[in-house]
Amino acid sequence: MSLHIGEVEQAWKKLGMVVVNAKDRLAKFYYQGTLILMTKRSHGSGPIEGKIPYLIRQQMKLSQAQFDELIACPLGLPEYVRILKQKGWITESSKPAPPSSQSPSAP
């Protein structure tokens, strides 16, 4: 499978992934403030070939069909979160703790 860098970037943007330039181009997916997963690609332009599309898909915890839907646009953020929940990557413990309703007591 060959992908164009623009397709991957568009998919990351659609999912609200935080993209950072480092040694590679890193994309981090957060759910309610908690880092759930991270993937990366090399800098540059043009096609992404070889095993790299497979590795990106695996790091994003998607099947080939789900990844194809993500690239083709039917799969969006709500569906992606549902998939990650079904696979156990997002759990109740992924949610930040609610603020404490108790105020600290004065000495």
N, C-alpha and C. Protein backbone atom coordinates (compact mmCIF):
# COMPACT_ATOMS: atom_id res chain seq x y z
N MET A 1 0.85 -1.19 0.00
CA MET A 1 0.00 0.00 0.00
C MET A 1 0.88 1.24 0.00
N SER A 2 0.50 2.20 -0.78
CA SER A 2 1.22 3.46 -0.85
C SER A 2 0.26 4.58 -0.49
N LEU A 3 0.71 5.48 0.36
CA LEU A 3 -0.08 6.64 0.76
C LEU A 3 0.69 7.90 0.43
N HIS A 4 -0.03 8.96 0.25
CA HIS A 4 0.63 10.25 0.10
C HIS A 4 0.66 10.92 1.47
N ILE A 5 1.70 11.65 1.73
CA ILE A 5 1.85 12.33 3.02
C ILE A 5 0.64 13.19 3.34
N GLY A 6 0.08 13.86 2.34
CA GLY A 6 -1.09 14.70 2.56
C GLY A 6 -2.28 13.92 3.12
N GLU A 7 -2.45 12.67 2.69
CA GLU A 7 -3.55 11.84 3.19
C GLU A 7 -3.37 11.53 4.68
N VAL A 8 -2.15 11.23 5.06
CA VAL A 8 -1.86 10.93 6.46
C VAL A 8 -2.03 12.18 7.31
N GLU A 9 -1.50 13.29 6.85
CA GLU A 9 -1.63 14.55 7.60
C GLU A 9 -3.10 14.94 7.77
N GLN A 10 -3.90 14.77 6.71
CA GLN A 10 -5.32 15.10 6.77
C GLN A 10 -6.03 14.20 7.78
N ALA A 11 -5.70 12.92 7.80
CA ALA A 11 -6.31 11.99 8.75
C ALA A 11 -5.94 12.37 10.18
N TRP A 12 -4.67 12.70 10.42
CA TRP A 12 -4.24 13.10 11.76
C TRP A 12 -4.97 14.36 12.21
N LYS A 13 -5.12 15.31 11.28
CA LYS A 13 -5.81 16.56 11.61
C LYS A 13 -7.28 16.30 11.93
N LYS A 14 -7.92 15.44 11.13
CA LYS A 14 -9.33 15.11 11.33
C LYS A 14 -9.57 14.50 12.72
N LEU A 15 -8.59 13.73 13.22
CA LEU A 15 -8.72 13.10 14.53
C LEU A 15 -8.24 14.00 15.66
N GLY A 16 -7.78 15.20 15.33
CA GLY A 16 -7.33 16.13 16.35
C GLY A 16 -6.01 15.74 16.98
N MET A 17 -5.20 14.99 16.26
CA MET A 17 -3.91 14.56 16.80
C MET A 17 -2.97 15.76 16.89
N VAL A 18 -2.16 15.78 17.92
CA VAL A 18 -1.17 16.84 18.11
C VAL A 18 0.08 16.42 17.34
N VAL A 19 0.47 17.22 16.36
CA VAL A 19 1.59 16.88 15.50
C VAL A 19 2.79 17.75 15.88
N VAL A 20 3.93 17.09 16.07
CA VAL A 20 5.15 17.77 16.52
C VAL A 20 6.29 17.39 15.58
N ASN A 21 7.08 18.38 15.21
CA ASN A 21 8.28 18.11 14.44
C ASN A 21 9.43 17.81 15.38
N ALA A 22 9.99 16.65 15.25
CA ALA A 22 11.17 16.23 16.02
C ALA A 22 12.10 15.56 15.01
N LYS A 23 12.80 14.54 15.42
CA LYS A 23 13.62 13.78 14.47
C LYS A 23 12.73 13.28 13.33
N ASP A 24 11.52 12.83 13.70
CA ASP A 24 10.48 12.46 12.75
C ASP A 24 9.29 13.38 13.00
N ARG A 25 8.26 13.23 12.21
CA ARG A 25 7.02 13.98 12.43
C ARG A 25 6.14 13.09 13.31
N LEU A 26 5.93 13.51 14.55
CA LEU A 26 5.19 12.74 15.54
C LEU A 26 3.75 13.21 15.61
N ALA A 27 2.83 12.25 15.74
CA ALA A 27 1.41 12.57 15.92
C ALA A 27 0.94 11.85 17.18
N LYS A 28 0.39 12.63 18.12
CA LYS A 28 -0.05 12.09 19.40
C LYS A 28 -1.56 12.25 19.51
N PHE A 29 -2.22 11.17 19.95
CA PHE A 29 -3.67 11.22 20.14
C PHE A 29 -3.97 11.25 21.63
N TYR A 30 -4.66 12.31 22.04
CA TYR A 30 -5.07 12.49 23.43
C TYR A 30 -6.58 12.32 23.52
N TYR A 31 -7.01 11.71 24.60
CA TYR A 31 -8.44 11.62 24.89
C TYR A 31 -8.66 12.18 26.28
N GLN A 32 -9.40 13.25 26.34
CA GLN A 32 -9.70 13.95 27.60
C GLN A 32 -8.43 14.22 28.40
N GLY A 33 -7.41 14.70 27.71
CA GLY A 33 -6.17 15.09 28.36
C GLY A 33 -5.16 13.98 28.61
N THR A 34 -5.51 12.75 28.26
CA THR A 34 -4.61 11.62 28.49
C THR A 34 -4.04 11.14 27.16
N LEU A 35 -2.73 10.97 27.10
CA LEU A 35 -2.10 10.44 25.89
C LEU A 35 -2.49 8.98 25.72
N ILE A 36 -3.10 8.66 24.59
CA ILE A 36 -3.56 7.30 24.31
C ILE A 36 -2.58 6.57 23.41
N LEU A 37 -2.11 7.24 22.36
CA LEU A 37 -1.18 6.59 21.44
C LEU A 37 -0.39 7.63 20.67
N MET A 38 0.65 7.15 20.01
CA MET A 38 1.53 8.01 19.24
C MET A 38 1.96 7.26 17.98
N THR A 39 2.10 7.98 16.89
CA THR A 39 2.63 7.40 15.66
C THR A 39 3.58 8.42 15.04
N LYS A 40 4.25 8.02 13.98
CA LYS A 40 5.20 8.95 13.37
C LYS A 40 5.41 8.62 11.91
N ARG A 41 6.00 9.57 11.22
CA ARG A 41 6.44 9.39 9.84
C ARG A 41 7.68 10.24 9.64
N SER A 42 8.39 9.97 8.59
CA SER A 42 9.57 10.76 8.28
C SER A 42 9.16 12.12 7.74
N HIS A 43 10.07 13.08 7.84
CA HIS A 43 9.86 14.37 7.19
C HIS A 43 9.97 14.15 5.69
N GLY A 44 9.48 15.08 4.94
CA GLY A 44 9.59 14.97 3.49
C GLY A 44 8.23 15.08 2.85
N SER A 45 8.22 14.88 1.55
CA SER A 45 6.96 14.96 0.80
C SER A 45 6.90 13.79 -0.16
N GLY A 46 5.73 13.58 -0.70
CA GLY A 46 5.57 12.50 -1.66
C GLY A 46 4.94 11.28 -1.04
N PRO A 47 5.12 10.15 -1.68
CA PRO A 47 4.45 8.93 -1.20
C PRO A 47 5.14 8.32 0.02
N ILE A 48 4.33 7.66 0.83
CA ILE A 48 4.83 6.86 1.95
C ILE A 48 4.68 5.42 1.49
N GLU A 49 5.79 4.71 1.36
CA GLU A 49 5.75 3.38 0.76
C GLU A 49 6.35 2.33 1.69
N GLY A 50 6.34 1.10 1.22
CA GLY A 50 6.92 0.01 1.98
C GLY A 50 6.06 -0.35 3.17
N LYS A 51 6.72 -0.63 4.29
CA LYS A 51 6.00 -1.04 5.51
C LYS A 51 5.48 0.14 6.32
N ILE A 52 5.85 1.35 5.96
CA ILE A 52 5.49 2.52 6.77
C ILE A 52 3.98 2.70 6.90
N PRO A 53 3.17 2.61 5.83
CA PRO A 53 1.72 2.72 6.03
C PRO A 53 1.18 1.66 6.99
N TYR A 54 1.70 0.44 6.90
CA TYR A 54 1.30 -0.63 7.81
C TYR A 54 1.65 -0.27 9.25
N LEU A 55 2.85 0.25 9.46
CA LEU A 55 3.28 0.61 10.81
C LEU A 55 2.45 1.75 11.39
N ILE A 56 2.15 2.75 10.57
CA ILE A 56 1.30 3.86 11.02
C ILE A 56 -0.07 3.32 11.42
N ARG A 57 -0.63 2.45 10.58
CA ARG A 57 -1.95 1.86 10.86
C ARG A 57 -1.92 1.06 12.16
N GLN A 58 -0.89 0.26 12.36
CA GLN A 58 -0.76 -0.53 13.57
C GLN A 58 -0.64 0.37 14.81
N GLN A 59 0.15 1.43 14.71
CA GLN A 59 0.33 2.34 15.83
C GLN A 59 -0.96 3.09 16.15
N MET A 60 -1.82 3.27 15.14
CA MET A 60 -3.10 3.93 15.36
C MET A 60 -4.18 2.94 15.80
N LYS A 61 -3.82 1.66 15.93
CA LYS A 61 -4.70 0.60 16.43
C LYS A 61 -5.91 0.38 15.53
N LEU A 62 -5.71 0.45 14.21
CA LEU A 62 -6.79 0.28 13.25
C LEU A 62 -6.56 -0.96 12.38
N SER A 63 -7.66 -1.60 11.97
CA SER A 63 -7.58 -2.67 10.98
C SER A 63 -7.34 -2.02 9.61
N GLN A 64 -7.05 -2.83 8.62
CA GLN A 64 -6.83 -2.27 7.28
C GLN A 64 -8.10 -1.58 6.78
N ALA A 65 -9.25 -2.21 6.99
CA ALA A 65 -10.52 -1.62 6.54
C ALA A 65 -10.80 -0.29 7.26
N GLN A 66 -10.54 -0.24 8.56
CA GLN A 66 -10.76 0.99 9.33
C GLN A 66 -9.82 2.09 8.86
N PHE A 67 -8.56 1.73 8.61
CA PHE A 67 -7.58 2.71 8.14
C PHE A 67 -7.99 3.24 6.76
N ASP A 68 -8.46 2.35 5.89
CA ASP A 68 -8.93 2.77 4.56
C ASP A 68 -10.08 3.75 4.69
N GLU A 69 -11.01 3.49 5.63
CA GLU A 69 -12.13 4.41 5.87
C GLU A 69 -11.65 5.76 6.40
N LEU A 70 -10.65 5.72 7.26
CA LEU A 70 -10.08 6.96 7.80
C LEU A 70 -9.51 7.81 6.67
N ILE A 71 -8.75 7.18 5.79
CA ILE A 71 -8.12 7.91 4.67
C ILE A 71 -9.19 8.40 3.69
N ALA A 72 -10.22 7.59 3.45
CA ALA A 72 -11.28 7.94 2.49
C ALA A 72 -12.29 8.93 3.07
N CYS A 73 -12.22 9.20 4.35
CA CYS A 73 -13.01 10.20 5.08
C CYS A 73 -14.27 9.73 5.79
N PRO A 74 -14.87 8.56 5.57
CA PRO A 74 -16.06 8.23 6.34
C PRO A 74 -15.81 8.07 7.84
N LEU A 75 -14.61 7.68 8.22
CA LEU A 75 -14.31 7.47 9.64
C LEU A 75 -13.79 8.77 10.23
N GLY A 76 -14.48 9.26 11.26
CA GLY A 76 -14.09 10.49 11.92
C GLY A 76 -13.75 10.26 13.38
N LEU A 77 -13.62 11.35 14.12
CA LEU A 77 -13.23 11.28 15.53
C LEU A 77 -14.18 10.44 16.38
N PRO A 78 -15.51 10.62 16.29
CA PRO A 78 -16.39 9.80 17.15
C PRO A 78 -16.23 8.30 16.89
N GLU A 79 -16.10 7.93 15.62
CA GLU A 79 -15.92 6.52 15.27
C GLU A 79 -14.57 6.00 15.76
N TYR A 80 -13.54 6.84 15.65
CA TYR A 80 -12.21 6.44 16.09
C TYR A 80 -12.18 6.20 17.60
N VAL A 81 -12.81 7.09 18.36
CA VAL A 81 -12.88 6.93 19.81
C VAL A 81 -13.64 5.65 20.14
N ARG A 82 -14.74 5.37 19.44
CA ARG A 82 -15.51 4.15 19.66
C ARG A 82 -14.65 2.91 19.40
N ILE A 83 -13.87 2.92 18.33
CA ILE A 83 -12.98 1.79 18.01
C ILE A 83 -11.95 1.59 19.11
N LEU A 84 -11.34 2.68 19.56
CA LEU A 84 -10.33 2.56 20.62
C LEU A 84 -10.94 2.07 21.93
N LYS A 85 -12.17 2.47 22.21
CA LYS A 85 -12.85 1.98 23.41
C LYS A 85 -13.14 0.49 23.28
N GLN A 86 -13.61 0.06 22.12
CA GLN A 86 -13.91 -1.36 21.89
C GLN A 86 -12.66 -2.22 22.02
N LYS A 87 -11.52 -1.68 21.62
CA LYS A 87 -10.27 -2.43 21.67
C LYS A 87 -9.57 -2.30 23.03
N GLY A 88 -10.14 -1.50 23.92
CA GLY A 88 -9.59 -1.36 25.26
C GLY A 88 -8.48 -0.33 25.41
N TRP A 89 -8.26 0.47 24.39
CA TRP A 89 -7.21 1.50 24.47
C TRP A 89 -7.69 2.73 25.21
N ILE A 90 -9.00 2.95 25.21
CA ILE A 90 -9.59 4.03 26.00
C ILE A 90 -10.51 3.36 27.01
N THR A 91 -10.26 3.61 28.28
CA THR A 91 -11.06 3.05 29.36
C THR A 91 -11.50 4.16 30.28
N GLU A 92 -12.26 3.82 31.27
CA GLU A 92 -12.69 4.81 32.26
C GLU A 92 -11.48 5.45 32.94
N SER A 93 -10.39 4.68 33.09
CA SER A 93 -9.20 5.24 33.73
C SER A 93 -8.48 6.23 32.81
N SER A 94 -8.88 6.30 31.52
CA SER A 94 -8.29 7.27 30.60
C SER A 94 -8.82 8.67 30.86
N LYS A 95 -9.94 8.73 31.59
CA LYS A 95 -10.55 10.03 31.87
C LYS A 95 -9.86 10.66 33.07
N PRO A 96 -9.64 11.98 33.03
CA PRO A 96 -9.05 12.62 34.20
C PRO A 96 -9.99 12.55 35.40
N ALA A 97 -9.43 12.52 36.56
CA ALA A 97 -10.22 12.46 37.78
C ALA A 97 -11.04 13.73 37.92
N PRO A 98 -12.30 13.62 38.36
CA PRO A 98 -13.11 14.83 38.54
C PRO A 98 -12.51 15.67 39.67
N PRO A 99 -12.73 16.99 39.62
CA PRO A 99 -12.19 17.84 40.69
C PRO A 99 -12.81 17.46 42.02
N SER A 100 -12.01 17.58 43.03
CA SER A 100 -12.45 17.24 44.38
C SER A 100 -13.50 18.24 44.82
N SER A 101 -14.58 17.74 45.41
CA SER A 101 -15.65 18.63 45.90
C SER A 101 -15.36 19.13 47.32
N GLN A 102 -14.31 18.57 47.92
CA GLN A 102 -13.97 18.99 49.27
C GLN A 102 -12.90 20.08 49.21
N SER A 103 -13.11 21.10 50.01
CA SER A 103 -12.09 22.14 50.07
C SER A 103 -11.10 21.79 51.18
N PRO A 104 -9.86 22.18 50.99
CA PRO A 104 -8.89 21.87 52.02
C PRO A 104 -9.26 22.56 53.33
N SER A 105 -9.09 21.85 54.42
CA SER A 105 -9.45 22.44 55.71
C SER A 105 -8.31 23.30 56.24
N ALA A 106 -8.68 24.39 56.85
CA ALA A 106 -7.69 25.30 57.41
C ALA A 106 -7.24 24.79 58.77
N PRO A 107 -5.97 24.94 59.12
CA PRO A 107 -5.47 24.46 60.42
C PRO A 107 -6.02 25.24 61.57
